[in-house]
Amino acid sequence: MSLRPIMPAPIVKIALAQINTTVGDFDGNAAKVLEAAERARARAADLVLFPELTLPGYPPRDLVEDPAFVRGNVAALERLIPRVRGIAALVGYVEPNPAREGKSLFNAAAVIRDGRVERTVRKRLLPTYDVFDEGRHFEPGGPQEPWPFGGRRLGLTICEDVWNDREFHRRPIYHEDPVVQVHAAGADLLVNVSASPFAVGKPALRREMVAGIARRHRLPAVLVNLTGGNDELIFDGSSFALDPEGRVVAQAASFEEDLVLWDAATLEGEARATVEEEAPAIRKALVLGLRDYFRKTGFTKAVIGLSGGIDSAVVAALAVEALGASNVLGVSMPSRFSSGGSRDDAAALARNLGIELMTIPIEGIFRSTLDALAPGFAGRSFDTAEENVQARIRGMLLMALSNKLGHLVLSTGNKSELAVGYCTLYGDMAGGLAVISDVPKTAVYRLAAELNREREVIPRASIEKPPSAELRPDQKDSDSLPDYAVLDAILRAFVEELKSPEEIVALGFPPDVVARVVRMVERNEYKRRQAAPGLKVTSKAFGMGRRIPIARKLGR
């Protein structure tokens, strides 16, 4: 009688390397890979996972049409291969397609092990909705077999490949499900490397979706997500591992780089605190997006027009948190219509934040401009033309300071204003980054409360006084707009939930108010097309994720 040898239990200790990459910084991104891989190896990890398109950065957009960009990313991979030792690494890159037909590139990830590429996985589902354009550039990958490693069979997938679960989505948009395919082929552990952008509620949705997959297929799952800001997009990280019951057994931090270990044999791992509530999450997201926008574009200092209102106060507070008080300049530009209270509120904010405040009265410039325009304005009453002159004077002064000092102008308009055109082209819309352009006015108030949670940063008067542009005597936002609670609810239904005016009225809103709001949204697309890039924090932001023609028939 012969005895069969007792085989050791499979041991796969996986490191989730949640890093912040920069588009086009091949050497910098590769250095992050090497540093994280060494840390993971030193902690006895067998495999380290990196986010989608690690080496080129995400999203590279049309840069992948430049052959030199693609070659640079491949060269970075080739330099990396012999340097990753003592651990396997899954690293994303843009792979040239050798076939003579189809798109010329793949969104791919290479398994680097022992000085060679042991396996290449190619993304199969290529999103072309909202902010995504991957079908524009990449060829879909084909079915693949699980990767045998450490006694396990890993199903390797890339981001969207797990977003077509038929039990989770009422209407799946793809005809195939890579998870079903790789599980049927024998995978006993699901791996997903992602660059999934942040929106309010998205981290929980992402986790819930993958948990459903884990439970349905009875297999553990691990998802590594990108963190950081790249232009309008913010990536929250929030990487995780789940057991076959869908329970979180490892969790990386929100909105920062992190490295956490998870043992696929014991199903135990490290867990960090995450940011789940709306206002704290928006705060973290905007600070990260703002900081990275400056760092990755080479700016160090910001200049902001401080009106004494809540919007500019919130933007200034976020800028100080992201850049430091010494790198933020506030500018008060009072006119004949600026109340003493607003000037005092701007000064109080500057003191609370510890920033420099420069005061440039615009009355003289305004009067001279009106004198110059007098022949053209003769016989016409004061209206939005004169109001906009003031806003444009302020925009000109901020841009002049930007040119002279090298500071980046942060525009301060919120999503509600941008939606209905309650903003001035070349005036308050002037700037290099629109920090809160995807934050509705009602959420701005919640964000102010969050910023004031530990001490008063935003002056109480800025929060409590009725919103006003102060461009004419006794002006209030409510003179031109519905109450912000009503306006924001209608805008959410129309812009984010894509409801028709009739469906919005059925929710209980007055038909005339709905019609007016929808008309304002439709008529102001030309303004939004000329706005500064804005940081995305909702499910549907104006800009790259909402492409509406300017020249079209309006109305329904």
Protein backbone atom coordinates (compact mmCIF):
# COMPACT_ATOMS: atom_id res chain seq x y z
CA MET A 1 0.00 0.00 0.00
CA SER A 2 1.45 3.34 -1.05
CA LEU A 3 0.66 6.61 0.58
CA ARG A 4 -0.01 9.69 -1.52
CA PRO A 5 2.09 12.65 -0.44
CA ILE A 6 0.23 15.35 1.42
CA MET A 7 0.20 18.45 -0.75
CA PRO A 8 0.55 21.80 1.02
CA ALA A 9 -2.49 24.04 0.99
CA PRO A 10 -2.34 26.68 -1.74
CA ILE A 11 -0.98 29.93 -0.40
CA VAL A 12 -1.39 33.13 -2.37
CA LYS A 13 -0.74 36.34 -0.53
CA ILE A 14 -1.85 39.21 -2.72
CA ALA A 15 -0.85 42.87 -2.39
CA LEU A 16 -3.28 45.52 -3.59
CA ALA A 17 -1.06 48.36 -4.83
CA GLN A 18 -3.35 51.37 -5.07
CA ILE A 19 -1.14 53.99 -6.73
CA ASN A 20 -1.61 57.45 -8.23
CA THR A 21 -0.32 57.54 -11.79
CA THR A 22 0.28 60.46 -14.15
CA VAL A 23 -0.64 60.24 -17.82
CA GLY A 24 2.49 60.06 -19.95
CA ASP A 25 4.94 59.80 -17.03
CA PHE A 26 6.26 56.37 -17.99
CA ASP A 27 9.36 56.56 -15.80
CA GLY A 28 7.48 57.97 -12.82
CA ASN A 29 4.73 55.37 -13.08
CA ALA A 30 7.27 52.57 -13.46
CA ALA A 31 9.12 53.83 -10.39
CA LYS A 32 5.88 53.59 -8.40
CA VAL A 33 5.49 50.00 -9.59
CA LEU A 34 9.00 49.07 -8.51
CA GLU A 35 8.65 50.76 -5.12
CA ALA A 36 5.30 49.10 -4.38
CA ALA A 37 6.50 45.72 -5.65
CA GLU A 38 9.53 45.87 -3.37
CA ARG A 39 7.38 46.78 -0.37
CA ALA A 40 4.99 43.93 -1.18
CA ARG A 41 7.87 41.45 -1.65
CA ALA A 42 9.40 42.51 1.66
CA ARG A 43 6.07 41.66 3.31
CA ALA A 44 6.10 38.17 1.78
CA ALA A 45 3.42 38.83 -0.87
CA ASP A 46 3.37 36.40 -3.81
CA LEU A 47 1.55 38.67 -6.23
CA VAL A 48 1.11 42.44 -6.45
CA LEU A 49 -1.72 44.00 -8.45
CA PHE A 50 -1.66 47.47 -10.00
CA PRO A 51 -4.46 49.61 -11.49
CA GLU A 52 -5.60 49.64 -15.11
CA LEU A 53 -3.17 51.12 -17.67
CA THR A 54 -0.53 51.49 -14.96
CA LEU A 55 2.35 52.61 -17.14
CA PRO A 56 0.71 55.10 -19.55
CA GLY A 57 -1.64 56.47 -16.89
CA TYR A 58 -5.42 56.67 -17.15
CA PRO A 59 -7.15 57.98 -19.17
CA PRO A 60 -4.59 58.51 -21.96
CA ARG A 61 -7.36 59.44 -24.43
CA ASP A 62 -6.09 60.37 -27.89
CA LEU A 63 -2.46 60.26 -26.80
CA VAL A 64 -2.58 56.59 -27.75
CA GLU A 65 -2.93 57.71 -31.38
CA ASP A 66 0.68 58.95 -31.14
CA PRO A 67 3.02 56.03 -32.00
CA ALA A 68 5.75 57.58 -29.84
CA PHE A 69 3.43 57.48 -26.81
CA VAL A 70 2.69 53.80 -27.36
CA ARG A 71 6.37 53.01 -27.88
CA GLY A 72 7.25 54.89 -24.70
CA ASN A 73 4.81 52.85 -22.67
CA VAL A 74 6.05 49.55 -24.14
CA ALA A 75 9.66 50.57 -23.49
CA ALA A 76 8.77 51.26 -19.85
CA LEU A 77 7.33 47.76 -19.57
CA GLU A 78 10.45 46.23 -21.12
CA ARG A 79 12.65 48.09 -18.62
CA LEU A 80 10.43 46.90 -15.79
CA ILE A 81 10.40 43.19 -16.65
CA PRO A 82 13.93 42.28 -15.51
CA ARG A 83 13.68 44.45 -12.38
CA VAL A 84 10.60 42.86 -10.79
CA ARG A 85 12.07 39.92 -8.87
CA GLY A 86 10.89 37.65 -6.09
CA ILE A 87 7.24 38.48 -6.72
CA ALA A 88 4.76 38.35 -9.58
CA ALA A 89 3.18 41.62 -10.71
CA LEU A 90 0.13 42.43 -12.84
CA VAL A 91 0.89 45.71 -14.60
CA GLY A 92 -1.37 47.55 -17.04
CA TYR A 93 -0.13 48.98 -20.34
CA VAL A 94 -1.13 49.75 -23.93
CA GLU A 95 -0.25 46.74 -26.09
CA PRO A 96 0.15 47.04 -29.88
CA ASN A 97 -2.13 44.68 -31.80
CA PRO A 98 -0.07 42.60 -34.25
CA ALA A 99 -3.12 41.62 -36.34
CA ARG A 100 -3.60 43.19 -39.75
CA GLU A 101 -7.21 44.16 -39.05
CA GLY A 102 -9.14 45.69 -36.18
CA LYS A 103 -8.01 48.47 -33.86
CA SER A 104 -4.25 48.72 -33.53
CA LEU A 105 -4.09 48.59 -29.72
CA PHE A 106 -5.23 46.58 -26.71
CA ASN A 107 -5.93 47.80 -23.20
CA ALA A 108 -3.81 45.10 -21.58
CA ALA A 109 -2.09 43.98 -18.40
CA ALA A 110 1.05 41.88 -18.24
CA VAL A 111 1.85 39.30 -15.58
CA ILE A 112 5.57 39.86 -14.92
CA ARG A 113 7.32 36.98 -13.20
CA ASP A 114 10.92 35.81 -13.00
CA GLY A 115 12.16 38.25 -15.62
CA ARG A 116 9.53 37.56 -18.27
CA VAL A 117 5.92 38.19 -19.19
CA GLU A 118 4.15 34.99 -18.20
CA ARG A 119 0.64 36.01 -19.24
CA THR A 120 -1.05 38.93 -20.98
CA VAL A 121 -4.69 39.74 -20.29
CA ARG A 122 -6.61 42.01 -22.66
CA LYS A 123 -9.67 43.98 -21.71
CA ARG A 124 -12.76 42.59 -23.40
CA LEU A 125 -15.49 45.11 -22.63
CA LEU A 126 -14.61 48.59 -23.86
CA PRO A 127 -16.92 51.33 -22.52
CA THR A 128 -18.01 54.17 -24.77
CA TYR A 129 -20.56 55.84 -22.48
CA ASP A 130 -20.32 58.85 -20.15
CA VAL A 131 -16.62 59.85 -19.83
CA PHE A 132 -15.26 56.71 -21.53
CA ASP A 133 -13.97 56.44 -25.11
CA GLU A 134 -12.18 53.11 -25.08
CA GLY A 135 -13.96 51.65 -28.09
CA ARG A 136 -12.47 54.57 -30.03
CA HIS A 137 -8.94 53.24 -29.59
CA PHE A 138 -8.80 49.63 -28.43
CA GLU A 139 -9.58 46.23 -29.90
CA PRO A 140 -11.55 43.97 -27.56
CA GLY A 141 -9.64 41.04 -26.15
CA GLY A 142 -10.90 37.48 -26.56
CA PRO A 143 -11.82 34.77 -24.05
CA GLN A 144 -8.96 33.54 -21.89
CA GLU A 145 -8.15 30.67 -19.61
CA PRO A 146 -7.55 31.22 -15.88
CA TRP A 147 -3.97 31.83 -14.88
CA PRO A 148 -2.58 29.05 -12.61
CA PHE A 149 -0.65 30.55 -9.73
CA GLY A 150 0.15 29.33 -6.23
CA GLY A 151 -2.24 26.43 -6.46
CA ARG A 152 -5.08 28.72 -7.53
CA ARG A 153 -6.64 29.51 -10.89
CA LEU A 154 -6.97 33.25 -11.20
CA GLY A 155 -9.55 34.83 -13.49
CA LEU A 156 -7.85 38.03 -14.63
CA THR A 157 -10.12 40.87 -15.75
CA ILE A 158 -9.76 44.59 -16.40
CA CYS A 159 -12.24 47.14 -15.02
CA GLU A 160 -15.35 47.09 -17.28
CA ASP A 161 -15.05 43.31 -17.65
CA VAL A 162 -16.89 42.94 -14.33
CA TRP A 163 -19.53 45.59 -15.07
CA ASN A 164 -21.90 43.47 -17.17
CA ASP A 165 -23.38 41.24 -14.49
CA ARG A 166 -26.88 40.32 -15.66
CA GLU A 167 -28.22 39.91 -12.14
CA PHE A 168 -27.07 43.39 -11.11
CA HIS A 169 -27.92 45.49 -14.16
CA ARG A 170 -31.45 45.69 -15.47
CA ARG A 171 -30.17 46.08 -19.04
CA PRO A 172 -26.62 44.82 -19.61
CA ILE A 173 -25.05 46.74 -22.50
CA TYR A 174 -22.74 43.98 -23.72
CA HIS A 175 -23.62 40.60 -25.19
CA GLU A 176 -21.02 38.70 -23.18
CA ASP A 177 -19.90 38.47 -19.57
CA PRO A 178 -16.17 37.81 -19.14
CA VAL A 179 -16.68 36.81 -15.50
CA VAL A 180 -19.11 34.03 -16.46
CA GLN A 181 -16.70 32.84 -19.12
CA VAL A 182 -13.58 32.73 -16.95
CA HIS A 183 -15.47 31.12 -14.07
CA ALA A 184 -16.81 28.43 -16.40
CA ALA A 185 -13.21 27.83 -17.51
CA GLY A 186 -12.28 26.97 -13.92
CA ALA A 187 -11.27 30.21 -12.20
CA ASP A 188 -11.48 29.95 -8.42
CA LEU A 189 -10.38 33.53 -7.64
CA LEU A 190 -11.52 36.64 -9.51
CA VAL A 191 -9.02 39.47 -10.01
CA ASN A 192 -9.96 42.87 -11.43
CA VAL A 193 -7.62 45.81 -12.04
CA SER A 194 -9.51 49.05 -12.51
CA ALA A 195 -9.48 52.76 -13.18
CA SER A 196 -13.02 53.43 -12.00
CA PRO A 197 -13.75 57.17 -11.53
CA PHE A 198 -15.37 58.52 -8.40
CA ALA A 199 -18.93 59.77 -8.16
CA VAL A 200 -21.09 60.15 -5.07
CA GLY A 201 -22.23 56.65 -4.12
CA LYS A 202 -19.94 54.94 -6.66
CA PRO A 203 -17.56 53.19 -4.21
CA ALA A 204 -20.48 51.46 -2.47
CA LEU A 205 -22.07 50.59 -5.81
CA ARG A 206 -18.81 49.11 -7.09
CA ARG A 207 -18.36 47.03 -3.96
CA GLU A 208 -22.00 45.87 -3.97
CA MET A 209 -21.77 44.80 -7.60
CA VAL A 210 -18.61 42.72 -7.12
CA ALA A 211 -20.05 41.24 -3.90
CA GLY A 212 -23.02 39.97 -5.90
CA ILE A 213 -20.64 38.35 -8.38
CA ALA A 214 -18.66 36.71 -5.56
CA ARG A 215 -21.81 35.27 -3.96
CA ARG A 216 -23.31 34.09 -7.24
CA HIS A 217 -20.17 32.28 -8.41
CA ARG A 218 -19.00 31.26 -4.92
CA LEU A 219 -15.50 32.58 -5.36
CA PRO A 220 -13.40 35.26 -3.64
CA ALA A 221 -12.75 38.45 -5.57
CA VAL A 222 -10.21 41.24 -5.41
CA LEU A 223 -10.44 44.64 -7.12
CA VAL A 224 -7.60 47.15 -7.25
CA ASN A 225 -8.60 50.66 -8.25
CA LEU A 226 -6.62 53.72 -9.31
CA THR A 227 -6.42 56.72 -7.01
CA GLY A 228 -5.68 60.36 -7.83
CA GLY A 229 -6.91 63.07 -10.16
CA ASN A 230 -6.39 63.32 -13.90
CA ASP A 231 -8.03 66.40 -15.44
CA GLU A 232 -11.78 66.26 -14.66
CA LEU A 233 -11.72 62.71 -13.33
CA ILE A 234 -11.02 61.75 -9.73
CA PHE A 235 -10.26 58.17 -8.74
CA ASP A 236 -11.09 57.19 -5.18
CA GLY A 237 -9.07 53.99 -4.87
CA SER A 238 -11.12 52.13 -2.24
CA SER A 239 -9.65 48.82 -3.44
CA PHE A 240 -10.96 45.70 -1.72
CA ALA A 241 -11.00 41.91 -1.45
CA LEU A 242 -14.17 39.89 -0.80
CA ASP A 243 -14.77 36.36 0.42
CA PRO A 244 -17.18 34.02 -1.42
CA GLU A 245 -20.02 35.42 0.70
CA GLY A 246 -19.33 38.90 -0.63
CA ARG A 247 -18.00 40.15 2.70
CA VAL A 248 -15.15 42.68 2.70
CA VAL A 249 -12.01 40.97 3.99
CA ALA A 250 -9.46 43.56 2.87
CA GLN A 251 -9.95 47.26 2.26
CA ALA A 252 -7.65 50.02 1.03
CA ALA A 253 -8.06 53.68 1.96
CA SER A 254 -10.16 56.21 0.08
CA PHE A 255 -8.57 59.01 -1.98
CA GLU A 256 -4.94 58.17 -1.26
CA GLU A 257 -2.21 55.76 -2.23
CA ASP A 258 -2.16 52.57 -0.22
CA LEU A 259 -0.76 49.05 -0.14
CA VAL A 260 -2.80 46.37 1.65
CA LEU A 261 -2.21 42.64 1.86
CA TRP A 262 -4.80 39.90 1.55
CA ASP A 263 -4.26 36.18 2.11
CA ALA A 264 -6.33 34.21 -0.39
CA ALA A 265 -5.86 31.03 1.67
CA THR A 266 -7.18 32.33 5.00
CA LEU A 267 -9.37 35.01 3.40
CA GLU A 268 -7.97 37.52 5.88
CA GLY A 269 -6.50 40.88 5.05
CA GLU A 270 -5.75 44.41 6.15
CA ALA A 271 -8.50 47.01 6.32
CA ARG A 272 -8.36 50.80 6.30
CA ALA A 273 -11.11 53.27 7.10
CA THR A 274 -13.01 54.54 4.05
CA VAL A 275 -14.96 57.73 3.41
CA GLU A 276 -18.58 56.89 2.62
CA GLU A 277 -20.79 59.88 3.58
CA GLU A 278 -21.60 62.37 0.83
CA ALA A 279 -20.13 65.64 2.13
CA PRO A 280 -16.85 64.16 3.51
CA ALA A 281 -16.42 62.14 0.29
CA ILE A 282 -16.97 65.19 -1.93
CA ARG A 283 -14.53 67.15 0.20
CA LYS A 284 -11.85 64.47 -0.07
CA ALA A 285 -12.46 64.04 -3.79
CA LEU A 286 -12.25 67.75 -4.60
CA VAL A 287 -9.13 68.26 -2.51
CA LEU A 288 -7.44 65.32 -4.24
CA GLY A 289 -8.58 66.43 -7.69
CA LEU A 290 -7.48 70.02 -7.09
CA ARG A 291 -4.10 69.04 -5.64
CA ASP A 292 -3.34 66.63 -8.49
CA TYR A 293 -4.50 69.09 -11.16
CA PHE A 294 -1.89 71.55 -9.85
CA ARG A 295 0.83 68.96 -9.32
CA LYS A 296 0.40 67.31 -12.70
CA THR A 297 0.17 70.57 -14.67
CA GLY A 298 3.07 72.27 -12.89
CA PHE A 299 1.16 75.02 -11.05
CA THR A 300 1.81 75.69 -7.38
CA LYS A 301 -0.32 78.72 -6.49
CA ALA A 302 -3.98 79.67 -6.92
CA VAL A 303 -5.82 82.99 -7.13
CA ILE A 304 -9.53 83.22 -6.27
CA GLY A 305 -12.04 86.04 -6.42
CA LEU A 306 -13.66 86.30 -2.97
CA SER A 307 -17.14 87.81 -3.09
CA GLY A 308 -18.10 87.09 0.50
CA GLY A 309 -20.52 84.41 -0.72
CA ILE A 310 -20.57 80.73 0.08
CA ASP A 311 -19.31 79.43 -3.28
CA SER A 312 -16.03 81.35 -3.36
CA ALA A 313 -15.56 80.65 0.36
CA VAL A 314 -15.87 76.90 -0.15
CA VAL A 315 -13.49 76.95 -3.12
CA ALA A 316 -10.92 78.92 -1.13
CA ALA A 317 -11.17 76.53 1.82
CA LEU A 318 -10.69 73.53 -0.47
CA ALA A 319 -7.73 75.22 -2.15
CA VAL A 320 -6.04 75.85 1.19
CA GLU A 321 -6.56 72.22 2.18
CA ALA A 322 -5.10 71.05 -1.13
CA LEU A 323 -2.27 73.55 -1.63
CA GLY A 324 -1.57 75.23 1.71
CA ALA A 325 -2.50 78.75 2.83
CA SER A 326 0.73 80.30 1.55
CA ASN A 327 -0.16 79.17 -1.98
CA VAL A 328 -3.62 80.75 -2.16
CA LEU A 329 -4.31 84.41 -2.94
CA GLY A 330 -7.78 85.85 -2.38
CA VAL A 331 -8.92 88.93 -4.27
CA SER A 332 -11.83 91.11 -3.17
CA MET A 333 -13.19 93.28 -6.01
CA PRO A 334 -16.05 95.35 -4.59
CA SER A 335 -18.34 97.46 -6.75
CA ARG A 336 -21.04 100.02 -5.92
CA PHE A 337 -23.40 97.10 -5.34
CA SER A 338 -21.18 95.14 -2.96
CA SER A 339 -22.56 95.23 0.56
CA GLY A 340 -20.37 96.03 3.52
CA GLY A 341 -21.31 92.65 4.92
CA SER A 342 -19.94 90.84 1.89
CA ARG A 343 -16.64 92.70 2.10
CA ASP A 344 -16.41 91.87 5.80
CA ASP A 345 -17.20 88.20 5.08
CA ALA A 346 -14.42 87.99 2.49
CA ALA A 347 -11.97 89.50 4.98
CA ALA A 348 -13.14 87.14 7.74
CA LEU A 349 -12.69 84.15 5.46
CA ALA A 350 -9.15 85.21 4.58
CA ARG A 351 -8.32 85.53 8.28
CA ASN A 352 -9.85 82.15 9.08
CA LEU A 353 -7.85 80.50 6.30
CA GLY A 354 -4.65 82.45 6.88
CA ILE A 355 -4.41 83.54 3.25
CA GLU A 356 -3.37 86.85 1.72
CA LEU A 357 -6.29 89.08 0.68
CA MET A 358 -5.81 91.69 -2.02
CA THR A 359 -8.54 94.32 -2.48
CA ILE A 360 -9.06 95.92 -5.90
CA PRO A 361 -12.17 98.12 -6.08
CA ILE A 362 -13.72 98.00 -9.55
CA GLU A 363 -15.95 101.08 -9.35
CA GLY A 364 -13.58 103.27 -11.34
CA ILE A 365 -13.14 100.68 -14.09
CA PHE A 366 -16.89 100.04 -14.16
CA ARG A 367 -17.68 103.75 -14.49
CA SER A 368 -15.09 104.22 -17.26
CA THR A 369 -16.45 101.20 -19.12
CA LEU A 370 -20.02 102.50 -18.91
CA ASP A 371 -18.83 105.89 -20.17
CA ALA A 372 -17.16 104.20 -23.16
CA LEU A 373 -20.32 102.19 -23.86
CA ALA A 374 -22.68 105.14 -23.40
CA PRO A 375 -23.22 105.77 -27.14
CA GLY A 376 -24.14 102.12 -27.72
CA PHE A 377 -26.27 101.87 -24.58
CA ALA A 378 -28.07 105.20 -25.06
CA GLY A 379 -31.79 105.05 -24.37
CA ARG A 380 -31.63 101.57 -22.85
CA SER A 381 -32.22 100.76 -19.20
CA PHE A 382 -29.78 99.03 -16.84
CA ASP A 383 -29.99 95.24 -17.35
CA THR A 384 -27.81 92.13 -17.58
CA ALA A 385 -25.40 93.90 -19.94
CA GLU A 386 -24.22 96.21 -17.13
CA GLU A 387 -24.30 93.32 -14.66
CA ASN A 388 -22.05 91.25 -16.90
CA VAL A 389 -19.63 94.14 -17.38
CA GLN A 390 -18.87 93.94 -13.65
CA ALA A 391 -18.33 90.19 -13.79
CA ARG A 392 -16.05 90.54 -16.81
CA ILE A 393 -14.01 93.28 -15.15
CA ARG A 394 -13.43 90.90 -12.25
CA GLY A 395 -12.51 88.07 -14.62
CA MET A 396 -10.05 90.34 -16.43
CA LEU A 397 -8.38 91.39 -13.18
CA LEU A 398 -8.01 87.80 -11.99
CA MET A 399 -6.54 86.72 -15.32
CA ALA A 400 -4.14 89.68 -15.25
CA LEU A 401 -2.93 88.61 -11.82
CA SER A 402 -2.62 85.06 -13.13
CA ASN A 403 -0.45 86.25 -16.03
CA LYS A 404 1.73 88.44 -13.85
CA LEU A 405 2.12 86.15 -10.83
CA GLY A 406 1.87 82.73 -12.46
CA HIS A 407 -1.10 81.71 -10.31
CA LEU A 408 -3.91 79.56 -11.66
CA VAL A 409 -7.37 81.14 -11.44
CA LEU A 410 -9.96 78.94 -9.76
CA SER A 411 -13.50 79.71 -10.91
CA THR A 412 -16.15 79.41 -8.23
CA GLY A 413 -19.46 78.67 -9.97
CA ASN A 414 -21.52 75.68 -8.83
CA LYS A 415 -23.41 73.09 -10.90
CA SER A 416 -26.81 74.72 -10.42
CA GLU A 417 -25.59 78.01 -11.88
CA LEU A 418 -23.74 76.32 -14.73
CA ALA A 419 -26.81 74.26 -15.58
CA VAL A 420 -29.14 77.22 -16.09
CA GLY A 421 -26.59 79.73 -17.37
CA TYR A 422 -26.62 81.88 -14.22
CA CYS A 423 -22.99 82.74 -14.89
CA THR A 424 -21.06 85.12 -17.14
CA LEU A 425 -18.84 84.10 -20.01
CA TYR A 426 -15.36 85.64 -19.64
CA GLY A 427 -16.46 86.85 -16.18
CA ASP A 428 -17.03 84.56 -13.21
CA MET A 429 -16.54 81.62 -15.61
CA ALA A 430 -12.93 82.69 -16.31
CA GLY A 431 -10.32 80.36 -14.88
CA GLY A 432 -8.16 77.32 -15.31
CA LEU A 433 -10.17 74.92 -13.13
CA ALA A 434 -13.83 74.97 -12.07
CA VAL A 435 -13.56 73.34 -8.65
CA ILE A 436 -17.25 73.01 -7.69
CA SER A 437 -18.87 73.04 -11.14
CA ASP A 438 -20.29 69.56 -10.47
CA VAL A 439 -21.51 70.39 -6.96
CA PRO A 440 -25.16 71.55 -6.84
CA LYS A 441 -25.88 74.62 -4.73
CA THR A 442 -27.66 72.64 -2.01
CA ALA A 443 -24.62 70.34 -1.77
CA VAL A 444 -22.36 73.40 -1.51
CA TYR A 445 -24.13 74.23 1.75
CA ARG A 446 -23.58 70.69 3.01
CA LEU A 447 -19.93 70.94 1.99
CA ALA A 448 -19.59 74.22 3.90
CA ALA A 449 -21.00 72.54 7.01
CA GLU A 450 -18.45 69.74 6.57
CA LEU A 451 -15.61 72.27 6.25
CA ASN A 452 -16.85 73.95 9.44
CA ARG A 453 -17.15 70.69 11.37
CA GLU A 454 -14.10 71.27 13.57
CA ARG A 455 -13.97 75.08 13.58
CA GLU A 456 -15.54 78.00 11.77
CA VAL A 457 -13.76 78.33 8.45
CA ILE A 458 -16.61 79.59 6.29
CA PRO A 459 -18.08 82.67 8.03
CA ARG A 460 -21.57 82.00 9.35
CA ALA A 461 -22.87 85.08 7.55
CA SER A 462 -21.73 83.66 4.18
CA ILE A 463 -23.84 80.57 4.88
CA GLU A 464 -26.92 82.26 6.31
CA LYS A 465 -27.43 85.26 4.02
CA PRO A 466 -29.60 84.89 0.88
CA PRO A 467 -27.44 84.07 -2.17
CA SER A 468 -26.78 87.08 -4.39
CA ALA A 469 -24.53 87.98 -7.29
CA GLU A 470 -24.61 91.63 -6.08
CA LEU A 471 -24.58 93.04 -9.60
CA ARG A 472 -27.56 95.38 -9.10
CA PRO A 473 -29.30 96.94 -6.08
CA ASP A 474 -30.80 94.42 -3.62
CA GLN A 475 -30.28 91.53 -6.05
CA LYS A 476 -31.09 87.98 -4.91
CA ASP A 477 -30.62 84.71 -6.80
CA SER A 478 -34.28 84.01 -6.10
CA ASP A 479 -35.20 86.95 -8.36
CA SER A 480 -34.06 84.90 -11.36
CA LEU A 481 -34.14 81.28 -10.21
CA PRO A 482 -36.47 78.90 -8.38
CA ASP A 483 -35.60 78.04 -4.80
CA TYR A 484 -32.35 76.04 -4.93
CA ALA A 485 -33.92 73.00 -3.28
CA VAL A 486 -36.50 72.87 -6.08
CA LEU A 487 -34.02 73.77 -8.80
CA ASP A 488 -31.50 71.12 -7.76
CA ALA A 489 -34.14 68.41 -7.57
CA ILE A 490 -35.34 69.22 -11.09
CA LEU A 491 -31.77 69.41 -12.41
CA ARG A 492 -30.89 66.06 -10.87
CA ALA A 493 -33.92 64.44 -12.48
CA PHE A 494 -33.27 66.04 -15.89
CA VAL A 495 -29.46 65.97 -16.15
CA GLU A 496 -28.40 62.98 -14.05
CA GLU A 497 -31.45 60.70 -14.20
CA LEU A 498 -32.38 61.65 -17.80
CA LYS A 499 -36.06 62.06 -16.97
CA SER A 500 -38.36 63.86 -19.42
CA PRO A 501 -40.14 67.07 -18.39
CA GLU A 502 -43.37 65.09 -18.17
CA GLU A 503 -41.79 62.57 -15.82
CA ILE A 504 -40.42 65.38 -13.64
CA VAL A 505 -43.82 67.03 -13.42
CA ALA A 506 -45.25 63.66 -12.37
CA LEU A 507 -42.88 63.79 -9.38
CA GLY A 508 -44.85 66.77 -8.09
CA PHE A 509 -43.07 69.80 -9.53
CA PRO A 510 -45.05 72.68 -11.09
CA PRO A 511 -45.20 72.32 -14.90
CA ASP A 512 -44.28 75.96 -15.54
CA VAL A 513 -41.20 75.73 -13.28
CA VAL A 514 -40.05 72.48 -14.90
CA ALA A 515 -40.51 73.93 -18.39
CA ARG A 516 -38.56 77.04 -17.44
CA VAL A 517 -35.67 75.12 -15.89
CA VAL A 518 -35.42 72.71 -18.83
CA ARG A 519 -35.46 75.63 -21.25
CA MET A 520 -32.61 77.34 -19.37
CA VAL A 521 -30.54 74.13 -19.37
CA GLU A 522 -31.04 73.63 -23.10
CA ARG A 523 -30.34 77.25 -24.06
CA ASN A 524 -27.04 77.50 -22.19
CA GLU A 525 -25.06 74.65 -23.72
CA TYR A 526 -22.93 77.25 -25.54
CA LYS A 527 -21.78 78.65 -22.19
CA ARG A 528 -20.91 75.26 -20.75
CA ARG A 529 -18.87 74.43 -23.85
CA GLN A 530 -16.61 77.39 -22.98
CA ALA A 531 -16.27 76.68 -19.27
CA ALA A 532 -13.04 75.70 -17.54
CA PRO A 533 -12.51 71.98 -16.88
CA GLY A 534 -14.52 70.95 -13.82
CA LEU A 535 -13.93 68.20 -11.27
CA LYS A 536 -16.50 65.40 -11.61
CA VAL A 537 -18.21 64.15 -8.45
CA THR A 538 -21.74 63.23 -9.59
CA SER A 539 -22.97 60.50 -11.88
CA LYS A 540 -23.40 62.95 -14.78
CA ALA A 541 -21.25 66.07 -14.96
CA PHE A 542 -21.28 68.78 -17.58
CA GLY A 543 -18.33 68.50 -19.94
CA MET A 544 -16.71 65.37 -21.35
CA GLY A 545 -19.40 63.03 -20.04
CA ARG A 546 -22.37 64.97 -21.47
CA ARG A 547 -21.99 65.81 -25.15
CA ILE A 548 -24.92 67.91 -26.31
CA PRO A 549 -24.97 69.81 -29.63
CA ILE A 550 -25.18 73.59 -29.38
CA ALA A 551 -26.93 74.03 -32.74
CA ARG A 552 -30.14 72.03 -32.51
CA LYS A 553 -33.90 72.42 -32.30
CA LEU A 554 -34.80 73.22 -28.70
CA GLY A 555 -37.84 71.98 -26.83
CA ARG A 556 -39.66 68.66 -26.84
